[in-house]
Amino acid sequence: MTESSQDEQVVDPAAPVAPDEAGEQDVPAPRPAEPPAEQPDTGDVLLEEQAAEEEVEDDLAVTQRAVAVLTEDLQRLQAEFVNYKRRVERDRELVRENATYAALAPIVEVLDTIDRAREHGELDPGFQTVADQLERTVERLGLSKFGAVGDAFDPTVHEALSHIGEDPEVSVTTCKVVAKAGYRIGDRVVRAAQVLVVDPATAPAE
């Protein structure tokens, strides 16, 4: 065998080719494809969605019940406040009426004196001015006068001092004489009118 034949190398066609002097790299072999991800079972997905929907519905029901309870509490508090406000207004009005009653009740006797003085004739001009001013003042404060001859007798506002017979011109028991006028503040009677009454004539017996 010659020297030249020893230097020759046999090249295997299947062997990888070494990089050349230019620095070229071997092309890597492609990686094997990964197996596809396992798909979840359709039944399991439906069950999970159903469970999620039921959970949302439960939360909604709880929220609705809480809102209903809060609404009832608010309505109750509002009703209690309205009732409290009405009581306060009623109590305030009652206090005002009681104060007015306490202040004006004693003046009724002074007004009686003025009435009796008028029955005896015209008042002195100076006294008349004072009397008129007093009557206007108490009327403005809510004290009103009632009771007149000819009024039908009403035991809630009249005090019958006496029956003085029968009168064919009346059909019900009637005030014939007013001894003292009555006074009221609003619907509250300060003093009942003191009157003498007559009854209607009784039919003659057959």
C-alpha atoms as a PDB file:
ATOM      1  CA  MET A   1       0.000   0.000   0.000  1.00  0.00           C
ATOM      2  CA  THR A   2       1.351   3.403  -0.930  1.00  0.00           C
ATOM      3  CA  GLU A   3       1.715   6.453   1.316  1.00  0.00           C
ATOM      4  CA  SER A   4      -0.867   8.394  -0.527  1.00  0.00           C
ATOM      5  CA  SER A   5      -3.431   5.742  -0.103  1.00  0.00           C
ATOM      6  CA  GLN A   6      -2.909   5.775   3.666  1.00  0.00           C
ATOM      7  CA  ASP A   7      -3.637   9.499   3.856  1.00  0.00           C
ATOM      8  CA  GLU A   8      -6.958   9.125   2.160  1.00  0.00           C
ATOM      9  CA  GLN A   9      -9.923   8.778   4.476  1.00  0.00           C
ATOM     10  CA  VAL A  10     -13.096   7.058   3.771  1.00  0.00           C
ATOM     11  CA  VAL A  11     -16.129   9.396   4.240  1.00  0.00           C
ATOM     12  CA  ASP A  12     -19.272   7.878   5.550  1.00  0.00           C
ATOM     13  CA  PRO A  13     -22.245   9.409   3.741  1.00  0.00           C
ATOM     14  CA  ALA A  14     -24.469   9.110   6.872  1.00  0.00           C
ATOM     15  CA  ALA A  15     -21.979  10.872   9.169  1.00  0.00           C
ATOM     16  CA  PRO A  16     -22.689  14.521  10.029  1.00  0.00           C
ATOM     17  CA  VAL A  17     -20.759  17.057   8.134  1.00  0.00           C
ATOM     18  CA  ALA A  18     -18.254  19.030  10.246  1.00  0.00           C
ATOM     19  CA  PRO A  19     -18.491  22.744  10.118  1.00  0.00           C
ATOM     20  CA  ASP A  20     -16.437  24.338   7.524  1.00  0.00           C
ATOM     21  CA  GLU A  21     -13.854  26.971   8.038  1.00  0.00           C
ATOM     22  CA  ALA A  22     -16.472  29.746   7.561  1.00  0.00           C
ATOM     23  CA  GLY A  23     -18.115  28.763  10.880  1.00  0.00           C
ATOM     24  CA  GLU A  24     -21.329  27.313   9.610  1.00  0.00           C
ATOM     25  CA  GLN A  25     -23.248  25.318  12.272  1.00  0.00           C
ATOM     26  CA  ASP A  26     -25.053  22.064  11.828  1.00  0.00           C
ATOM     27  CA  VAL A  27     -28.803  22.406  11.407  1.00  0.00           C
ATOM     28  CA  PRO A  28     -30.391  20.898  14.532  1.00  0.00           C
ATOM     29  CA  ALA A  29     -32.803  18.145  14.063  1.00  0.00           C
ATOM     30  CA  PRO A  30     -36.469  19.176  14.516  1.00  0.00           C
ATOM     31  CA  ARG A  31     -37.920  18.559  17.979  1.00  0.00           C
ATOM     32  CA  PRO A  32     -40.685  16.036  18.187  1.00  0.00           C
ATOM     33  CA  ALA A  33     -44.139  17.620  18.294  1.00  0.00           C
ATOM     34  CA  GLU A  34     -45.721  17.840  21.753  1.00  0.00           C
ATOM     35  CA  PRO A  35     -48.875  15.863  22.221  1.00  0.00           C
ATOM     36  CA  PRO A  36     -52.058  18.028  22.178  1.00  0.00           C
ATOM     37  CA  ALA A  37     -53.391  19.220  25.554  1.00  0.00           C
ATOM     38  CA  GLU A  38     -56.008  17.032  27.053  1.00  0.00           C
ATOM     39  CA  GLN A  39     -59.455  18.537  26.420  1.00  0.00           C
ATOM     40  CA  PRO A  40     -61.785  18.683  29.484  1.00  0.00           C
ATOM     41  CA  ASP A  41     -64.833  16.580  29.456  1.00  0.00           C
ATOM     42  CA  THR A  42     -67.941  18.464  28.232  1.00  0.00           C
ATOM     43  CA  GLY A  43     -70.024  17.118  31.101  1.00  0.00           C
ATOM     44  CA  ASP A  44     -67.594  18.452  33.680  1.00  0.00           C
ATOM     45  CA  VAL A  45     -67.671  21.894  32.047  1.00  0.00           C
ATOM     46  CA  LEU A  46     -71.467  22.002  32.157  1.00  0.00           C
ATOM     47  CA  LEU A  47     -71.475  20.977  35.798  1.00  0.00           C
ATOM     48  CA  GLU A  48     -68.967  23.699  36.679  1.00  0.00           C
ATOM     49  CA  GLU A  49     -70.996  26.344  34.810  1.00  0.00           C
ATOM     50  CA  GLN A  50     -74.197  25.193  36.515  1.00  0.00           C
ATOM     51  CA  ALA A  51     -72.511  25.344  39.929  1.00  0.00           C
ATOM     52  CA  ALA A  52     -71.233  28.865  39.172  1.00  0.00           C
ATOM     53  CA  GLU A  53     -74.728  30.002  38.108  1.00  0.00           C
ATOM     54  CA  GLU A  54     -76.279  28.532  41.247  1.00  0.00           C
ATOM     55  CA  GLU A  55     -73.691  30.315  43.383  1.00  0.00           C
ATOM     56  CA  VAL A  56     -74.503  33.636  41.671  1.00  0.00           C
ATOM     57  CA  GLU A  57     -78.228  33.024  42.164  1.00  0.00           C
ATOM     58  CA  ASP A  58     -77.668  32.256  45.860  1.00  0.00           C
ATOM     59  CA  ASP A  59     -75.678  35.478  46.285  1.00  0.00           C
ATOM     60  CA  LEU A  60     -78.424  37.435  44.510  1.00  0.00           C
ATOM     61  CA  ALA A  61     -81.108  35.914  46.741  1.00  0.00           C
ATOM     62  CA  VAL A  62     -79.117  36.779  49.871  1.00  0.00           C
ATOM     63  CA  THR A  63     -78.650  40.352  48.625  1.00  0.00           C
ATOM     64  CA  GLN A  64     -82.358  40.707  47.812  1.00  0.00           C
ATOM     65  CA  ARG A  65     -83.331  39.488  51.290  1.00  0.00           C
ATOM     66  CA  ALA A  66     -80.906  41.928  52.871  1.00  0.00           C
ATOM     67  CA  VAL A  67     -82.342  44.782  50.783  1.00  0.00           C
ATOM     68  CA  ALA A  68     -85.890  43.783  51.787  1.00  0.00           C
ATOM     69  CA  VAL A  69     -84.953  43.782  55.481  1.00  0.00           C
ATOM     70  CA  LEU A  70     -83.263  47.181  55.197  1.00  0.00           C
ATOM     71  CA  THR A  71     -86.280  48.558  53.321  1.00  0.00           C
ATOM     72  CA  GLU A  72     -88.644  47.374  56.054  1.00  0.00           C
ATOM     73  CA  ASP A  73     -86.400  48.920  58.711  1.00  0.00           C
ATOM     74  CA  LEU A  74     -86.341  52.211  56.819  1.00  0.00           C
ATOM     75  CA  GLN A  75     -90.115  52.232  56.408  1.00  0.00           C
ATOM     76  CA  ARG A  76     -90.591  51.498  60.104  1.00  0.00           C
ATOM     77  CA  LEU A  77     -88.200  54.263  61.108  1.00  0.00           C
ATOM     78  CA  GLN A  78     -89.948  56.674  58.756  1.00  0.00           C
ATOM     79  CA  ALA A  79     -93.359  55.800  60.220  1.00  0.00           C
ATOM     80  CA  GLU A  80     -92.002  56.201  63.752  1.00  0.00           C
ATOM     81  CA  PHE A  81     -90.564  59.601  62.848  1.00  0.00           C
ATOM     82  CA  VAL A  82     -93.864  60.754  61.326  1.00  0.00           C
ATOM     83  CA  ASN A  83     -95.761  59.623  64.437  1.00  0.00           C
ATOM     84  CA  TYR A  84     -93.199  61.307  66.679  1.00  0.00           C
ATOM     85  CA  LYS A  85     -93.505  64.539  64.692  1.00  0.00           C
ATOM     86  CA  ARG A  86     -97.300  64.409  64.993  1.00  0.00           C
ATOM     87  CA  ARG A  87     -97.073  63.848  68.741  1.00  0.00           C
ATOM     88  CA  VAL A  88     -94.698  66.770  69.098  1.00  0.00           C
ATOM     89  CA  GLU A  89     -97.004  69.033  67.100  1.00  0.00           C
ATOM     90  CA  ARG A  90    -100.024  67.844  69.086  1.00  0.00           C
ATOM     91  CA  ASP A  91     -98.239  68.328  72.399  1.00  0.00           C
ATOM     92  CA  ARG A  92     -97.016  71.763  71.334  1.00  0.00           C
ATOM     93  CA  GLU A  93    -100.556  72.784  70.392  1.00  0.00           C
ATOM     94  CA  LEU A  94    -101.896  71.406  73.666  1.00  0.00           C
ATOM     95  CA  VAL A  95     -99.288  73.329  75.649  1.00  0.00           C
ATOM     96  CA  ARG A  96    -100.198  76.490  73.769  1.00  0.00           C
ATOM     97  CA  GLU A  97    -103.916  75.980  74.404  1.00  0.00           C
ATOM     98  CA  ASN A  98    -103.329  75.258  78.097  1.00  0.00           C
ATOM     99  CA  ALA A  99    -101.228  78.401  78.443  1.00  0.00           C
ATOM    100  CA  THR A 100    -103.876  80.467  76.650  1.00  0.00           C
ATOM    101  CA  TYR A 101    -106.601  78.907  78.796  1.00  0.00           C
ATOM    102  CA  ALA A 102    -104.729  79.667  82.016  1.00  0.00           C
ATOM    103  CA  ALA A 103    -104.148  83.271  80.938  1.00  0.00           C
ATOM    104  CA  LEU A 104    -107.639  84.044  79.630  1.00  0.00           C
ATOM    105  CA  ALA A 105    -109.894  82.117  82.011  1.00  0.00           C
ATOM    106  CA  PRO A 106    -109.663  84.772  84.776  1.00  0.00           C
ATOM    107  CA  ILE A 107    -110.489  87.518  82.254  1.00  0.00           C
ATOM    108  CA  VAL A 108    -113.911  85.942  81.668  1.00  0.00           C
ATOM    109  CA  GLU A 109    -115.133  87.500  84.937  1.00  0.00           C
ATOM    110  CA  VAL A 110    -113.953  90.930  83.761  1.00  0.00           C
ATOM    111  CA  LEU A 111    -115.887  90.438  80.522  1.00  0.00           C
ATOM    112  CA  ASP A 112    -118.978  89.535  82.574  1.00  0.00           C
ATOM    113  CA  THR A 113    -118.641  92.853  84.410  1.00  0.00           C
ATOM    114  CA  ILE A 114    -118.473  94.698  81.093  1.00  0.00           C
ATOM    115  CA  ASP A 115    -121.616  92.898  79.882  1.00  0.00           C
ATOM    116  CA  ARG A 116    -123.537  93.804  83.057  1.00  0.00           C
ATOM    117  CA  ALA A 117    -122.409  97.426  82.723  1.00  0.00           C
ATOM    118  CA  ARG A 118    -123.729  97.525  79.154  1.00  0.00           C
ATOM    119  CA  GLU A 119    -127.089  96.179  80.325  1.00  0.00           C
ATOM    120  CA  HIS A 120    -127.484  99.299  82.460  1.00  0.00           C
ATOM    121  CA  GLY A 121    -126.816 101.724  79.645  1.00  0.00           C
ATOM    122  CA  GLU A 122    -124.076 103.058  77.463  1.00  0.00           C
ATOM    123  CA  LEU A 123    -120.596 102.924  78.868  1.00  0.00           C
ATOM    124  CA  ASP A 124    -118.494 105.938  79.658  1.00  0.00           C
ATOM    125  CA  PRO A 125    -116.437 106.778  76.539  1.00  0.00           C
ATOM    126  CA  GLY A 126    -113.157 106.119  78.322  1.00  0.00           C
ATOM    127  CA  PHE A 127    -114.374 102.833  79.791  1.00  0.00           C
ATOM    128  CA  GLN A 128    -115.917 101.892  76.429  1.00  0.00           C
ATOM    129  CA  THR A 129    -112.523 102.304  74.738  1.00  0.00           C
ATOM    130  CA  VAL A 130    -110.852 100.055  77.303  1.00  0.00           C
ATOM    131  CA  ALA A 131    -113.652  97.471  77.054  1.00  0.00           C
ATOM    132  CA  ASP A 132    -113.491  97.361  73.257  1.00  0.00           C
ATOM    133  CA  GLN A 133    -109.701  96.994  73.296  1.00  0.00           C
ATOM    134  CA  LEU A 134    -109.865  94.175  75.850  1.00  0.00           C
ATOM    135  CA  GLU A 135    -112.488  92.290  73.864  1.00  0.00           C
ATOM    136  CA  ARG A 136    -110.497  92.614  70.643  1.00  0.00           C
ATOM    137  CA  THR A 137    -107.336  91.409  72.379  1.00  0.00           C
ATOM    138  CA  VAL A 138    -108.857  88.262  73.893  1.00  0.00           C
ATOM    139  CA  GLU A 139    -110.642  87.484  70.635  1.00  0.00           C
ATOM    140  CA  ARG A 140    -107.350  87.726  68.766  1.00  0.00           C
ATOM    141  CA  LEU A 141    -105.838  85.296  71.287  1.00  0.00           C
ATOM    142  CA  GLY A 142    -108.547  82.761  70.492  1.00  0.00           C
ATOM    143  CA  LEU A 143    -111.193  83.417  73.159  1.00  0.00           C
ATOM    144  CA  SER A 144    -114.622  83.504  71.531  1.00  0.00           C
ATOM    145  CA  LYS A 145    -117.994  84.330  73.047  1.00  0.00           C
ATOM    146  CA  PHE A 146    -121.146  82.258  72.536  1.00  0.00           C
ATOM    147  CA  GLY A 147    -124.672  81.957  73.918  1.00  0.00           C
ATOM    148  CA  ALA A 148    -127.606  84.036  72.794  1.00  0.00           C
ATOM    149  CA  VAL A 149    -131.329  84.191  73.398  1.00  0.00           C
ATOM    150  CA  GLY A 150    -133.093  81.807  71.037  1.00  0.00           C
ATOM    151  CA  ASP A 151    -130.285  79.217  70.842  1.00  0.00           C
ATOM    152  CA  ALA A 152    -131.380  75.601  71.121  1.00  0.00           C
ATOM    153  CA  PHE A 153    -130.265  74.275  74.478  1.00  0.00           C
ATOM    154  CA  ASP A 154    -127.119  72.141  74.221  1.00  0.00           C
ATOM    155  CA  PRO A 155    -125.960  70.580  77.495  1.00  0.00           C
ATOM    156  CA  THR A 156    -122.371  70.419  76.195  1.00  0.00           C
ATOM    157  CA  VAL A 157    -122.125  74.225  75.977  1.00  0.00           C
ATOM    158  CA  HIS A 158    -125.042  75.474  78.073  1.00  0.00           C
ATOM    159  CA  GLU A 159    -125.704  75.298  81.795  1.00  0.00           C
ATOM    160  CA  ALA A 160    -129.426  75.479  82.523  1.00  0.00           C
ATOM    161  CA  LEU A 161    -129.941  77.455  85.724  1.00  0.00           C
ATOM    162  CA  SER A 162    -133.700  77.037  85.584  1.00  0.00           C
ATOM    163  CA  HIS A 163    -136.686  76.049  83.466  1.00  0.00           C
ATOM    164  CA  ILE A 164    -139.125  78.943  83.255  1.00  0.00           C
ATOM    165  CA  GLY A 165    -142.108  77.198  81.732  1.00  0.00           C
ATOM    166  CA  GLU A 166    -143.240  76.423  78.246  1.00  0.00           C
ATOM    167  CA  ASP A 167    -143.294  78.450  75.090  1.00  0.00           C
ATOM    168  CA  PRO A 168    -145.606  77.520  72.204  1.00  0.00           C
ATOM    169  CA  GLU A 169    -143.281  79.290  69.773  1.00  0.00           C
ATOM    170  CA  VAL A 170    -140.402  76.843  70.280  1.00  0.00           C
ATOM    171  CA  SER A 171    -140.172  73.259  69.141  1.00  0.00           C
ATOM    172  CA  VAL A 172    -137.191  72.278  71.329  1.00  0.00           C
ATOM    173  CA  THR A 173    -135.865  73.367  74.702  1.00  0.00           C
ATOM    174  CA  THR A 174    -134.559  76.868  74.043  1.00  0.00           C
ATOM    175  CA  CYS A 175    -132.431  79.460  75.820  1.00  0.00           C
ATOM    176  CA  LYS A 176    -134.831  82.207  76.874  1.00  0.00           C
ATOM    177  CA  VAL A 177    -132.506  84.255  79.086  1.00  0.00           C
ATOM    178  CA  VAL A 178    -128.705  84.381  79.065  1.00  0.00           C
ATOM    179  CA  ALA A 179    -127.462  85.089  82.574  1.00  0.00           C
ATOM    180  CA  LYS A 180    -123.781  84.788  81.605  1.00  0.00           C
ATOM    181  CA  ALA A 181    -122.293  84.322  78.164  1.00  0.00           C
ATOM    182  CA  GLY A 182    -120.166  81.297  77.456  1.00  0.00           C
ATOM    183  CA  TYR A 183    -116.577  81.364  76.222  1.00  0.00           C
ATOM    184  CA  ARG A 184    -114.426  78.857  74.374  1.00  0.00           C
ATOM    185  CA  ILE A 185    -110.906  78.584  73.026  1.00  0.00           C
ATOM    186  CA  GLY A 186    -111.082  76.636  69.806  1.00  0.00           C
ATOM    187  CA  ASP A 187    -113.288  73.650  70.601  1.00  0.00           C
ATOM    188  CA  ARG A 188    -112.480  73.794  74.308  1.00  0.00           C
ATOM    189  CA  VAL A 189    -115.175  75.348  76.479  1.00  0.00           C
ATOM    190  CA  VAL A 190    -113.722  77.745  79.028  1.00  0.00           C
ATOM    191  CA  ARG A 191    -117.095  78.303  80.617  1.00  0.00           C
ATOM    192  CA  ALA A 192    -120.543  77.115  79.603  1.00  0.00           C
ATOM    193  CA  ALA A 193    -123.167  79.739  78.974  1.00  0.00           C
ATOM    194  CA  GLN A 194    -125.491  80.043  81.984  1.00  0.00           C
ATOM    195  CA  VAL A 195    -129.061  80.255  80.733  1.00  0.00           C
ATOM    196  CA  LEU A 196    -132.735  80.056  81.668  1.00  0.00           C
ATOM    197  CA  VAL A 197    -134.652  77.792  79.300  1.00  0.00           C
ATOM    198  CA  VAL A 198    -138.157  77.168  78.133  1.00  0.00           C
ATOM    199  CA  ASP A 199    -139.648  73.945  76.879  1.00  0.00           C
ATOM    200  CA  PRO A 200    -141.981  73.503  73.900  1.00  0.00           C
ATOM    201  CA  ALA A 201    -145.671  73.471  74.799  1.00  0.00           C
ATOM    202  CA  THR A 202    -147.053  70.018  75.488  1.00  0.00           C
ATOM    203  CA  ALA A 203    -149.977  68.875  73.398  1.00  0.00           C
ATOM    204  CA  PRO A 204    -153.272  68.966  75.344  1.00  0.00           C
ATOM    205  CA  ALA A 205    -154.554  65.580  76.398  1.00  0.00           C
ATOM    206  CA  GLU A 206    -157.471  64.319  74.318  1.00  0.00           C
END
